[in-house]
Amino acid sequence: MEQKEAREQYRAQQLKWSIEEAMAQLSPDHRQIVLLHDAQGYRYEEIAQMLDIPIGTVKSRLNAARLALRQVMKRGEP
């Protein structure tokens, strides 16, 4: 059982490093939107108000950032 837990911890750590590496490759604007929305849980309207940008810009940046993250993460797959 301990070996299984150790493997799971290792995989979780690898995933964390992969996500951090992928986030580092995003533009500052995209990284900011992902962190505000997905990590901190702010709504589109709140982010738009905080950054003084239209809601449509928030949505398009978040979409572009997620697409970029997927591409970076796929490149790192074995």
C-alpha atoms as a PDB file:
ATOM      1  CA  MET A   1       0.000   0.000   0.000  1.00  0.00           C
ATOM      2  CA  GLU A   2       2.845   2.417   0.795  1.00  0.00           C
ATOM      3  CA  GLN A   3       4.342   1.855  -2.636  1.00  0.00           C
ATOM      4  CA  LYS A   4       1.034   2.780  -4.288  1.00  0.00           C
ATOM      5  CA  GLU A   5       0.804   5.964  -2.225  1.00  0.00           C
ATOM      6  CA  ALA A   6       4.389   6.853  -3.096  1.00  0.00           C
ATOM      7  CA  ARG A   7       3.624   6.425  -6.813  1.00  0.00           C
ATOM      8  CA  GLU A   8       0.536   8.596  -6.503  1.00  0.00           C
ATOM      9  CA  GLN A   9       2.520  11.297  -4.713  1.00  0.00           C
ATOM     10  CA  TYR A  10       5.196  11.156  -7.391  1.00  0.00           C
ATOM     11  CA  ARG A  11       2.605  11.501 -10.172  1.00  0.00           C
ATOM     12  CA  ALA A  12       0.921  14.397  -8.387  1.00  0.00           C
ATOM     13  CA  GLN A  13       4.272  16.160  -8.022  1.00  0.00           C
ATOM     14  CA  GLN A  14       5.107  15.560 -11.688  1.00  0.00           C
ATOM     15  CA  LEU A  15       1.744  17.007 -12.711  1.00  0.00           C
ATOM     16  CA  LYS A  16       2.312  20.050 -10.508  1.00  0.00           C
ATOM     17  CA  TRP A  17       5.706  20.660 -12.103  1.00  0.00           C
ATOM     18  CA  SER A  18       4.258  20.222 -15.582  1.00  0.00           C
ATOM     19  CA  ILE A  19       1.498  22.735 -14.886  1.00  0.00           C
ATOM     20  CA  GLU A  20       3.939  25.228 -13.385  1.00  0.00           C
ATOM     21  CA  GLU A  21       6.221  24.863 -16.404  1.00  0.00           C
ATOM     22  CA  ALA A  22       3.298  25.298 -18.804  1.00  0.00           C
ATOM     23  CA  MET A  23       2.017  28.355 -16.903  1.00  0.00           C
ATOM     24  CA  ALA A  24       5.471  29.927 -17.114  1.00  0.00           C
ATOM     25  CA  GLN A  25       5.262  29.728 -20.905  1.00  0.00           C
ATOM     26  CA  LEU A  26       2.030  31.735 -21.086  1.00  0.00           C
ATOM     27  CA  SER A  27       2.041  35.448 -21.749  1.00  0.00           C
ATOM     28  CA  PRO A  28       1.629  37.590 -18.612  1.00  0.00           C
ATOM     29  CA  ASP A  29      -1.937  38.532 -19.648  1.00  0.00           C
ATOM     30  CA  HIS A  30      -2.952  34.914 -20.168  1.00  0.00           C
ATOM     31  CA  ARG A  31      -1.276  33.728 -16.978  1.00  0.00           C
ATOM     32  CA  GLN A  32      -3.040  36.451 -14.990  1.00  0.00           C
ATOM     33  CA  ILE A  33      -6.477  35.499 -16.340  1.00  0.00           C
ATOM     34  CA  VAL A  34      -5.964  31.785 -15.641  1.00  0.00           C
ATOM     35  CA  LEU A  35      -4.805  32.469 -12.105  1.00  0.00           C
ATOM     36  CA  LEU A  36      -7.664  34.843 -11.353  1.00  0.00           C
ATOM     37  CA  HIS A  37     -10.381  32.623 -12.825  1.00  0.00           C
ATOM     38  CA  ASP A  38      -9.252  29.021 -12.405  1.00  0.00           C
ATOM     39  CA  ALA A  39      -7.026  29.243  -9.337  1.00  0.00           C
ATOM     40  CA  GLN A  40      -8.672  32.024  -7.339  1.00  0.00           C
ATOM     41  CA  GLY A  41     -12.234  31.533  -8.509  1.00  0.00           C
ATOM     42  CA  TYR A  42     -13.145  35.037  -9.660  1.00  0.00           C
ATOM     43  CA  ARG A  43     -16.038  35.372 -12.105  1.00  0.00           C
ATOM     44  CA  TYR A  44     -15.653  36.924 -15.551  1.00  0.00           C
ATOM     45  CA  GLU A  45     -17.378  40.114 -14.428  1.00  0.00           C
ATOM     46  CA  GLU A  46     -15.093  40.492 -11.418  1.00  0.00           C
ATOM     47  CA  ILE A  47     -11.968  39.993 -13.506  1.00  0.00           C
ATOM     48  CA  ALA A  48     -13.171  42.478 -16.115  1.00  0.00           C
ATOM     49  CA  GLN A  49     -13.745  45.057 -13.407  1.00  0.00           C
ATOM     50  CA  MET A  50     -10.399  44.369 -11.684  1.00  0.00           C
ATOM     51  CA  LEU A  51      -8.418  44.637 -14.915  1.00  0.00           C
ATOM     52  CA  ASP A  52     -10.602  47.328 -16.482  1.00  0.00           C
ATOM     53  CA  ILE A  53     -11.182  45.303 -19.649  1.00  0.00           C
ATOM     54  CA  PRO A  54     -14.374  44.104 -21.382  1.00  0.00           C
ATOM     55  CA  ILE A  55     -15.869  40.751 -20.349  1.00  0.00           C
ATOM     56  CA  GLY A  56     -15.385  39.522 -23.912  1.00  0.00           C
ATOM     57  CA  THR A  57     -11.650  40.135 -23.563  1.00  0.00           C
ATOM     58  CA  VAL A  58     -11.586  38.150 -20.329  1.00  0.00           C
ATOM     59  CA  LYS A  59     -13.351  35.235 -22.024  1.00  0.00           C
ATOM     60  CA  SER A  60     -11.166  35.290 -25.125  1.00  0.00           C
ATOM     61  CA  ARG A  61      -7.927  35.509 -23.097  1.00  0.00           C
ATOM     62  CA  LEU A  62      -9.035  32.638 -20.872  1.00  0.00           C
ATOM     63  CA  ASN A  63      -9.901  30.515 -23.894  1.00  0.00           C
ATOM     64  CA  ALA A  64      -6.601  31.304 -25.603  1.00  0.00           C
ATOM     65  CA  ALA A  65      -4.678  30.593 -22.401  1.00  0.00           C
ATOM     66  CA  ARG A  66      -6.376  27.227 -21.913  1.00  0.00           C
ATOM     67  CA  LEU A  67      -5.647  26.250 -25.517  1.00  0.00           C
ATOM     68  CA  ALA A  68      -2.006  27.224 -25.071  1.00  0.00           C
ATOM     69  CA  LEU A  69      -1.783  25.238 -21.830  1.00  0.00           C
ATOM     70  CA  ARG A  70      -3.214  22.162 -23.549  1.00  0.00           C
ATOM     71  CA  GLN A  71      -0.655  22.428 -26.348  1.00  0.00           C
ATOM     72  CA  VAL A  72       2.244  22.805 -23.930  1.00  0.00           C
ATOM     73  CA  MET A  73       1.011  19.932 -21.757  1.00  0.00           C
ATOM     74  CA  LYS A  74       0.560  17.639 -24.791  1.00  0.00           C
ATOM     75  CA  ARG A  75       4.155  18.262 -25.869  1.00  0.00           C
ATOM     76  CA  GLY A  76       5.305  17.043 -22.476  1.00  0.00           C
ATOM     77  CA  GLU A  77       3.412  13.743 -22.674  1.00  0.00           C
ATOM     78  CA  PRO A  78       5.448  10.570 -23.137  1.00  0.00           C
END
